[in-house]
Amino acid sequence: AYLAIADELDARVVLDLGCGTGNLALLLARHGRTVV
């Protein structure tokens, strides 16, 4: 759902706050985002 929202908002640079073990950050990066 968060990947879909990133698509919806055309977000290219994403900050994942409280990223934990990195699951969302890795998903976003695999789909071409610049992720912190």
PDB file of all heavy atoms in Angstrom:
ATOM      1  N   ALA A   1       0.832  -1.209   0.000  1.00  0.00           N
ATOM      2  CA  ALA A   1       0.000   0.000   0.000  1.00  0.00           C
ATOM      3  C   ALA A   1       0.864   1.255   0.000  1.00  0.00           C
ATOM      4  O   ALA A   1       0.511   2.268  -0.623  1.00  0.00           O
ATOM      5  CB  ALA A   1      -0.931  -0.005   1.207  1.00  0.00           C
ATOM      6  N   TYR A   2       2.006   1.197   0.683  1.00  0.00           N
ATOM      7  CA  TYR A   2       2.893   2.364   0.715  1.00  0.00           C
ATOM      8  C   TYR A   2       3.605   2.549  -0.620  1.00  0.00           C
ATOM      9  O   TYR A   2       3.848   3.684  -1.050  1.00  0.00           O
ATOM     10  CB  TYR A   2       3.887   2.226   1.861  1.00  0.00           C
ATOM     11  CG  TYR A   2       3.266   2.531   3.199  1.00  0.00           C
ATOM     12  CD1 TYR A   2       2.613   1.539   3.923  1.00  0.00           C
ATOM     13  CD2 TYR A   2       3.311   3.815   3.730  1.00  0.00           C
ATOM     14  CE1 TYR A   2       2.022   1.817   5.139  1.00  0.00           C
ATOM     15  CE2 TYR A   2       2.715   4.104   4.948  1.00  0.00           C
ATOM     16  CZ  TYR A   2       2.074   3.106   5.646  1.00  0.00           C
ATOM     17  OH  TYR A   2       1.469   3.385   6.841  1.00  0.00           O
ATOM     18  N   LEU A   3       3.928   1.455  -1.273  1.00  0.00           N
ATOM     19  CA  LEU A   3       4.502   1.556  -2.613  1.00  0.00           C
ATOM     20  C   LEU A   3       3.489   2.189  -3.563  1.00  0.00           C
ATOM     21  O   LEU A   3       3.845   3.053  -4.382  1.00  0.00           O
ATOM     22  CB  LEU A   3       4.906   0.171  -3.118  1.00  0.00           C
ATOM     23  CG  LEU A   3       5.465   0.109  -4.535  1.00  0.00           C
ATOM     24  CD1 LEU A   3       6.738   0.932  -4.666  1.00  0.00           C
ATOM     25  CD2 LEU A   3       5.729  -1.345  -4.937  1.00  0.00           C
ATOM     26  N   ALA A   4       2.233   1.796  -3.435  1.00  0.00           N
ATOM     27  CA  ALA A   4       1.187   2.365  -4.287  1.00  0.00           C
ATOM     28  C   ALA A   4       1.018   3.861  -4.020  1.00  0.00           C
ATOM     29  O   ALA A   4       0.810   4.646  -4.954  1.00  0.00           O
ATOM     30  CB  ALA A   4      -0.132   1.635  -4.057  1.00  0.00           C
ATOM     31  N   ILE A   5       1.127   4.262  -2.756  1.00  0.00           N
ATOM     32  CA  ILE A   5       1.014   5.689  -2.428  1.00  0.00           C
ATOM     33  C   ILE A   5       2.202   6.455  -3.000  1.00  0.00           C
ATOM     34  O   ILE A   5       2.044   7.574  -3.513  1.00  0.00           O
ATOM     35  CB  ILE A   5       0.896   5.882  -0.909  1.00  0.00           C
ATOM     36  CG1 ILE A   5      -0.460   5.367  -0.425  1.00  0.00           C
ATOM     37  CG2 ILE A   5       1.070   7.353  -0.538  1.00  0.00           C
ATOM     38  CD1 ILE A   5      -0.619   5.356   1.078  1.00  0.00           C
ATOM     39  N   ALA A   6       3.390   5.875  -2.944  1.00  0.00           N
ATOM     40  CA  ALA A   6       4.560   6.525  -3.539  1.00  0.00           C
ATOM     41  C   ALA A   6       4.347   6.718  -5.038  1.00  0.00           C
ATOM     42  O   ALA A   6       4.711   7.765  -5.603  1.00  0.00           O
ATOM     43  CB  ALA A   6       5.816   5.699  -3.274  1.00  0.00           C
ATOM     44  N   ASP A   7       3.743   5.730  -5.692  1.00  0.00           N
ATOM     45  CA  ASP A   7       3.413   5.862  -7.111  1.00  0.00           C
ATOM     46  C   ASP A   7       2.390   6.974  -7.322  1.00  0.00           C
ATOM     47  O   ASP A   7       2.528   7.814  -8.225  1.00  0.00           O
ATOM     48  CB  ASP A   7       2.852   4.546  -7.653  1.00  0.00           C
ATOM     49  CG  ASP A   7       3.913   3.462  -7.794  1.00  0.00           C
ATOM     50  OD1 ASP A   7       5.109   3.802  -7.866  1.00  0.00           O
ATOM     51  OD2 ASP A   7       3.527   2.276  -7.839  1.00  0.00           O
ATOM     52  N   GLU A   8       1.356   6.964  -6.509  1.00  0.00           N
ATOM     53  CA  GLU A   8       0.274   7.943  -6.622  1.00  0.00           C
ATOM     54  C   GLU A   8       0.795   9.372  -6.482  1.00  0.00           C
ATOM     55  O   GLU A   8       0.365  10.283  -7.204  1.00  0.00           O
ATOM     56  CB  GLU A   8      -0.767   7.650  -5.538  1.00  0.00           C
ATOM     57  CG  GLU A   8      -1.884   8.664  -5.409  1.00  0.00           C
ATOM     58  CD  GLU A   8      -2.735   8.397  -4.174  1.00  0.00           C
ATOM     59  OE1 GLU A   8      -2.765   7.236  -3.694  1.00  0.00           O
ATOM     60  OE2 GLU A   8      -3.360   9.344  -3.678  1.00  0.00           O
ATOM     61  N   LEU A   9       1.744   9.575  -5.572  1.00  0.00           N
ATOM     62  CA  LEU A   9       2.264  10.913  -5.296  1.00  0.00           C
ATOM     63  C   LEU A   9       3.480  11.249  -6.156  1.00  0.00           C
ATOM     64  O   LEU A   9       4.040  12.341  -6.025  1.00  0.00           O
ATOM     65  CB  LEU A   9       2.637  11.025  -3.811  1.00  0.00           C
ATOM     66  CG  LEU A   9       1.488  10.811  -2.815  1.00  0.00           C
ATOM     67  CD1 LEU A   9       2.021  10.841  -1.393  1.00  0.00           C
ATOM     68  CD2 LEU A   9       0.396  11.868  -3.009  1.00  0.00           C
ATOM     69  N   ASP A  10       3.893  10.293  -6.987  1.00  0.00           N
ATOM     70  CA  ASP A  10       5.078  10.461  -7.833  1.00  0.00           C
ATOM     71  C   ASP A  10       6.293  10.853  -6.992  1.00  0.00           C
ATOM     72  O   ASP A  10       7.053  11.768  -7.342  1.00  0.00           O
ATOM     73  CB  ASP A  10       4.827  11.508  -8.927  1.00  0.00           C
ATOM     74  CG  ASP A  10       5.899  11.461 -10.019  1.00  0.00           C
ATOM     75  OD1 ASP A  10       6.507  10.395 -10.212  1.00  0.00           O
ATOM     76  OD2 ASP A  10       6.140  12.506 -10.657  1.00  0.00           O
ATOM     77  N   ALA A  11       6.454  10.162  -5.882  1.00  0.00           N
ATOM     78  CA  ALA A  11       7.551  10.451  -4.952  1.00  0.00           C
ATOM     79  C   ALA A  11       8.828   9.777  -5.425  1.00  0.00           C
ATOM     80  O   ALA A  11       8.870   8.558  -5.576  1.00  0.00           O
ATOM     81  CB  ALA A  11       7.189   9.963  -3.549  1.00  0.00           C
ATOM     82  N   ARG A  12       9.868  10.551  -5.627  1.00  0.00           N
ATOM     83  CA  ARG A  12      11.140  10.006  -6.087  1.00  0.00           C
ATOM     84  C   ARG A  12      12.133   9.842  -4.945  1.00  0.00           C
ATOM     85  O   ARG A  12      12.983   8.958  -4.972  1.00  0.00           O
ATOM     86  CB  ARG A  12      11.755  10.904  -7.165  1.00  0.00           C
ATOM     87  CG  ARG A  12      10.829  11.256  -8.316  1.00  0.00           C
ATOM     88  CD  ARG A  12      10.091  10.048  -8.870  1.00  0.00           C
ATOM     89  NE  ARG A  12      10.992   8.958  -9.263  1.00  0.00           N
ATOM     90  CZ  ARG A  12      10.601   7.738  -9.559  1.00  0.00           C
ATOM     91  NH1 ARG A  12       9.311   7.425  -9.463  1.00  0.00           N
ATOM     92  NH2 ARG A  12      11.473   6.820  -9.922  1.00  0.00           N
ATOM     93  N   VAL A  13      12.093  10.733  -3.955  1.00  0.00           N
ATOM     94  CA  VAL A  13      12.985  10.663  -2.798  1.00  0.00           C
ATOM     95  C   VAL A  13      12.124  10.385  -1.568  1.00  0.00           C
ATOM     96  O   VAL A  13      11.229  11.171  -1.233  1.00  0.00           O
ATOM     97  CB  VAL A  13      13.777  11.968  -2.606  1.00  0.00           C
ATOM     98  CG1 VAL A  13      14.680  11.869  -1.374  1.00  0.00           C
ATOM     99  CG2 VAL A  13      14.592  12.293  -3.852  1.00  0.00           C
ATOM    100  N   VAL A  14      12.376   9.260  -0.905  1.00  0.00           N
ATOM    101  CA  VAL A  14      11.522   8.820   0.198  1.00  0.00           C
ATOM    102  C   VAL A  14      12.348   8.657   1.470  1.00  0.00           C
ATOM    103  O   VAL A  14      13.419   8.035   1.461  1.00  0.00           O
ATOM    104  CB  VAL A  14      10.814   7.488  -0.131  1.00  0.00           C
ATOM    105  CG1 VAL A  14       9.870   7.097   1.004  1.00  0.00           C
ATOM    106  CG2 VAL A  14      10.046   7.589  -1.448  1.00  0.00           C
ATOM    107  N   LEU A  15      11.833   9.208   2.551  1.00  0.00           N
ATOM    108  CA  LEU A  15      12.395   9.039   3.884  1.00  0.00           C
ATOM    109  C   LEU A  15      11.560   8.007   4.626  1.00  0.00           C
ATOM    110  O   LEU A  15      10.352   8.205   4.808  1.00  0.00           O
ATOM    111  CB  LEU A  15      12.378  10.377   4.631  1.00  0.00           C
ATOM    112  CG  LEU A  15      12.548  10.331   6.146  1.00  0.00           C
ATOM    113  CD1 LEU A  15      13.923   9.803   6.525  1.00  0.00           C
ATOM    114  CD2 LEU A  15      12.298  11.715   6.743  1.00  0.00           C
ATOM    115  N   ASP A  16      12.177   6.911   5.016  1.00  0.00           N
ATOM    116  CA  ASP A  16      11.497   5.864   5.793  1.00  0.00           C
ATOM    117  C   ASP A  16      11.936   6.003   7.236  1.00  0.00           C
ATOM    118  O   ASP A  16      13.021   5.546   7.624  1.00  0.00           O
ATOM    119  CB  ASP A  16      11.850   4.486   5.226  1.00  0.00           C
ATOM    120  CG  ASP A  16      11.142   3.358   5.938  1.00  0.00           C
ATOM    121  OD1 ASP A  16      10.195   3.629   6.697  1.00  0.00           O
ATOM    122  OD2 ASP A  16      11.532   2.195   5.737  1.00  0.00           O
ATOM    123  N   LEU A  17      11.110   6.672   8.041  1.00  0.00           N
ATOM    124  CA  LEU A  17      11.449   6.952   9.428  1.00  0.00           C
ATOM    125  C   LEU A  17      11.043   5.775  10.308  1.00  0.00           C
ATOM    126  O   LEU A  17       9.904   5.326  10.269  1.00  0.00           O
ATOM    127  CB  LEU A  17      10.743   8.224   9.892  1.00  0.00           C
ATOM    128  CG  LEU A  17      11.083   8.709  11.295  1.00  0.00           C
ATOM    129  CD1 LEU A  17      12.542   9.105  11.401  1.00  0.00           C
ATOM    130  CD2 LEU A  17      10.184   9.873  11.685  1.00  0.00           C
ATOM    131  N   GLY A  18      11.997   5.289  11.124  1.00  0.00           N
ATOM    132  CA  GLY A  18      11.745   4.074  11.883  1.00  0.00           C
ATOM    133  C   GLY A  18      11.765   2.877  10.971  1.00  0.00           C
ATOM    134  O   GLY A  18      10.897   2.000  11.032  1.00  0.00           O
ATOM    135  N   CYS A  19      12.781   2.825  10.128  1.00  0.00           N
ATOM    136  CA  CYS A  19      12.834   1.820   9.048  1.00  0.00           C
ATOM    137  C   CYS A  19      13.036   0.411   9.553  1.00  0.00           C
ATOM    138  O   CYS A  19      12.814  -0.551   8.822  1.00  0.00           O
ATOM    139  CB  CYS A  19      13.936   2.183   8.056  1.00  0.00           C
ATOM    140  SG  CYS A  19      15.619   2.133   8.736  1.00  0.00           S
ATOM    141  N   GLY A  20      13.492   0.240  10.801  1.00  0.00           N
ATOM    142  CA  GLY A  20      13.668  -1.099  11.347  1.00  0.00           C
ATOM    143  C   GLY A  20      14.623  -1.942  10.530  1.00  0.00           C
ATOM    144  O   GLY A  20      15.732  -1.500  10.198  1.00  0.00           O
ATOM    145  N   THR A  21      14.200  -3.134  10.160  1.00  0.00           N
ATOM    146  CA  THR A  21      15.057  -4.035   9.398  1.00  0.00           C
ATOM    147  C   THR A  21      15.002  -3.780   7.897  1.00  0.00           C
ATOM    148  O   THR A  21      15.502  -4.579   7.108  1.00  0.00           O
ATOM    149  CB  THR A  21      14.692  -5.502   9.688  1.00  0.00           C
ATOM    150  OG1 THR A  21      13.308  -5.709   9.382  1.00  0.00           O
ATOM    151  CG2 THR A  21      14.954  -5.846  11.154  1.00  0.00           C
ATOM    152  N   GLY A  22      14.378  -2.671   7.493  1.00  0.00           N
ATOM    153  CA  GLY A  22      14.540  -2.173   6.130  1.00  0.00           C
ATOM    154  C   GLY A  22      13.591  -2.690   5.074  1.00  0.00           C
ATOM    155  O   GLY A  22      13.813  -2.444   3.887  1.00  0.00           O
ATOM    156  N   ASN A  23      12.497  -3.345   5.455  1.00  0.00           N
ATOM    157  CA  ASN A  23      11.650  -3.973   4.439  1.00  0.00           C
ATOM    158  C   ASN A  23      11.017  -2.966   3.474  1.00  0.00           C
ATOM    159  O   ASN A  23      11.019  -3.181   2.258  1.00  0.00           O
ATOM    160  CB  ASN A  23      10.562  -4.808   5.119  1.00  0.00           C
ATOM    161  CG  ASN A  23      11.144  -5.995   5.852  1.00  0.00           C
ATOM    162  OD1 ASN A  23      11.968  -6.718   5.308  1.00  0.00           O
ATOM    163  ND2 ASN A  23      10.735  -6.201   7.093  1.00  0.00           N
ATOM    164  N   LEU A  24      10.462  -1.874   3.994  1.00  0.00           N
ATOM    165  CA  LEU A  24       9.852  -0.891   3.096  1.00  0.00           C
ATOM    166  C   LEU A  24      10.921  -0.165   2.289  1.00  0.00           C
ATOM    167  O   LEU A  24      10.751   0.050   1.078  1.00  0.00           O
ATOM    168  CB  LEU A  24       9.025   0.124   3.886  1.00  0.00           C
ATOM    169  CG  LEU A  24       8.418   1.250   3.046  1.00  0.00           C
ATOM    170  CD1 LEU A  24       7.505   0.695   1.969  1.00  0.00           C
ATOM    171  CD2 LEU A  24       7.675   2.251   3.925  1.00  0.00           C
ATOM    172  N   ALA A  25      12.020   0.207   2.921  1.00  0.00           N
ATOM    173  CA  ALA A  25      13.093   0.911   2.206  1.00  0.00           C
ATOM    174  C   ALA A  25      13.591   0.087   1.030  1.00  0.00           C
ATOM    175  O   ALA A  25      13.795   0.607  -0.076  1.00  0.00           O
ATOM    176  CB  ALA A  25      14.241   1.225   3.170  1.00  0.00           C
ATOM    177  N   LEU A  26      13.768  -1.201   1.235  1.00  0.00           N
ATOM    178  CA  LEU A  26      14.249  -2.075   0.164  1.00  0.00           C
ATOM    179  C   LEU A  26      13.219  -2.216  -0.942  1.00  0.00           C
ATOM    180  O   LEU A  26      13.569  -2.222  -2.129  1.00  0.00           O
ATOM    181  CB  LEU A  26      14.605  -3.445   0.744  1.00  0.00           C
ATOM    182  CG  LEU A  26      15.848  -3.451   1.645  1.00  0.00           C
ATOM    183  CD1 LEU A  26      15.826  -4.657   2.567  1.00  0.00           C
ATOM    184  CD2 LEU A  26      17.105  -3.451   0.802  1.00  0.00           C
ATOM    185  N   LEU A  27      11.944  -2.309  -0.571  1.00  0.00           N
ATOM    186  CA  LEU A  27      10.886  -2.404  -1.574  1.00  0.00           C
ATOM    187  C   LEU A  27      10.865  -1.148  -2.449  1.00  0.00           C
ATOM    188  O   LEU A  27      10.779  -1.230  -3.685  1.00  0.00           O
ATOM    189  CB  LEU A  27       9.538  -2.587  -0.879  1.00  0.00           C
ATOM    190  CG  LEU A  27       8.292  -2.615  -1.767  1.00  0.00           C
ATOM    191  CD1 LEU A  27       8.306  -3.817  -2.694  1.00  0.00           C
ATOM    192  CD2 LEU A  27       7.022  -2.616  -0.896  1.00  0.00           C
ATOM    193  N   LEU A  28      10.956   0.010  -1.818  1.00  0.00           N
ATOM    194  CA  LEU A  28      10.944   1.267  -2.568  1.00  0.00           C
ATOM    195  C   LEU A  28      12.169   1.388  -3.471  1.00  0.00           C
ATOM    196  O   LEU A  28      12.066   1.834  -4.622  1.00  0.00           O
ATOM    197  CB  LEU A  28      10.885   2.439  -1.594  1.00  0.00           C
ATOM    198  CG  LEU A  28       9.575   2.598  -0.819  1.00  0.00           C
ATOM    199  CD1 LEU A  28       9.764   3.544   0.351  1.00  0.00           C
ATOM    200  CD2 LEU A  28       8.463   3.096  -1.729  1.00  0.00           C
ATOM    201  N   ALA A  29      13.322   0.996  -2.952  1.00  0.00           N
ATOM    202  CA  ALA A  29      14.552   1.084  -3.752  1.00  0.00           C
ATOM    203  C   ALA A  29      14.490   0.166  -4.966  1.00  0.00           C
ATOM    204  O   ALA A  29      14.965   0.524  -6.046  1.00  0.00           O
ATOM    205  CB  ALA A  29      15.765   0.754  -2.884  1.00  0.00           C
ATOM    206  N   ARG A  30      13.902  -1.025  -4.793  1.00  0.00           N
ATOM    207  CA  ARG A  30      13.777  -1.953  -5.920  1.00  0.00           C
ATOM    208  C   ARG A  30      12.899  -1.379  -7.030  1.00  0.00           C
ATOM    209  O   ARG A  30      13.012  -1.784  -8.186  1.00  0.00           O
ATOM    210  CB  ARG A  30      13.211  -3.294  -5.443  1.00  0.00           C
ATOM    211  CG  ARG A  30      14.187  -4.144  -4.664  1.00  0.00           C
ATOM    212  CD  ARG A  30      13.715  -5.584  -4.579  1.00  0.00           C
ATOM    213  NE  ARG A  30      12.453  -5.716  -3.888  1.00  0.00           N
ATOM    214  CZ  ARG A  30      12.329  -5.915  -2.581  1.00  0.00           C
ATOM    215  NH1 ARG A  30      13.414  -5.970  -1.813  1.00  0.00           N
ATOM    216  NH2 ARG A  30      11.137  -6.049  -2.031  1.00  0.00           N
ATOM    217  N   HIS A  31      12.037  -0.434  -6.667  1.00  0.00           N
ATOM    218  CA  HIS A  31      11.152   0.184  -7.654  1.00  0.00           C
ATOM    219  C   HIS A  31      11.648   1.568  -8.052  1.00  0.00           C
ATOM    220  O   HIS A  31      10.852   2.421  -8.483  1.00  0.00           O
ATOM    221  CB  HIS A  31       9.723   0.252  -7.112  1.00  0.00           C
ATOM    222  CG  HIS A  31       9.027  -1.074  -7.122  1.00  0.00           C
ATOM    223  ND1 HIS A  31       9.244  -2.033  -6.141  1.00  0.00           N
ATOM    224  CD2 HIS A  31       8.152  -1.634  -8.003  1.00  0.00           C
ATOM    225  CE1 HIS A  31       8.506  -3.102  -6.419  1.00  0.00           C
ATOM    226  NE2 HIS A  31       7.841  -2.892  -7.539  1.00  0.00           N
ATOM    227  N   GLY A  32      12.941   1.796  -7.905  1.00  0.00           N
ATOM    228  CA  GLY A  32      13.555   2.964  -8.495  1.00  0.00           C
ATOM    229  C   GLY A  32      13.583   4.225  -7.668  1.00  0.00           C
ATOM    230  O   GLY A  32      13.989   5.279  -8.168  1.00  0.00           O
ATOM    231  N   ARG A  33      13.176   4.153  -6.392  1.00  0.00           N
ATOM    232  CA  ARG A  33      13.214   5.339  -5.554  1.00  0.00           C
ATOM    233  C   ARG A  33      14.592   5.555  -4.942  1.00  0.00           C
ATOM    234  O   ARG A  33      15.338   4.608  -4.707  1.00  0.00           O
ATOM    235  CB  ARG A  33      12.204   5.235  -4.412  1.00  0.00           C
ATOM    236  CG  ARG A  33      10.834   5.809  -4.715  1.00  0.00           C
ATOM    237  CD  ARG A  33      10.131   5.026  -5.733  1.00  0.00           C
ATOM    238  NE  ARG A  33       8.806   5.578  -6.023  1.00  0.00           N
ATOM    239  CZ  ARG A  33       7.890   4.909  -6.695  1.00  0.00           C
ATOM    240  NH1 ARG A  33       8.144   3.691  -7.118  1.00  0.00           N
ATOM    241  NH2 ARG A  33       6.733   5.458  -6.967  1.00  0.00           N
ATOM    242  N   THR A  34      14.896   6.806  -4.657  1.00  0.00           N
ATOM    243  CA  THR A  34      16.027   7.147  -3.812  1.00  0.00           C
ATOM    244  C   THR A  34      15.513   7.121  -2.380  1.00  0.00           C
ATOM    245  O   THR A  34      14.551   7.830  -2.050  1.00  0.00           O
ATOM    246  CB  THR A  34      16.575   8.538  -4.148  1.00  0.00           C
ATOM    247  OG1 THR A  34      17.058   8.534  -5.494  1.00  0.00           O
ATOM    248  CG2 THR A  34      17.713   8.922  -3.202  1.00  0.00           C
ATOM    249  N   VAL A  35      16.114   6.297  -1.528  1.00  0.00           N
ATOM    250  CA  VAL A  35      15.543   6.038  -0.214  1.00  0.00           C
ATOM    251  C   VAL A  35      16.564   6.314   0.883  1.00  0.00           C
ATOM    252  O   VAL A  35      17.739   5.953   0.765  1.00  0.00           O
ATOM    253  CB  VAL A  35      15.050   4.579  -0.094  1.00  0.00           C
ATOM    254  CG1 VAL A  35      14.346   4.359   1.246  1.00  0.00           C
ATOM    255  CG2 VAL A  35      14.116   4.224  -1.249  1.00  0.00           C
ATOM    256  N   VAL A  36      16.084   6.941   1.947  1.00  0.00           N
ATOM    257  CA  VAL A  36      16.864   7.132   3.164  1.00  0.00           C
ATOM    258  C   VAL A  36      16.128   6.423   4.294  1.00  0.00           C
ATOM    259  O   VAL A  36      14.958   6.724   4.570  1.00  0.00           O
ATOM    260  CB  VAL A  36      17.037   8.626   3.505  1.00  0.00           C
ATOM    261  CG1 VAL A  36      17.850   8.785   4.787  1.00  0.00           C
ATOM    262  CG2 VAL A  36      17.701   9.368   2.349  1.00  0.00           C
TER     263      VAL A  36
END
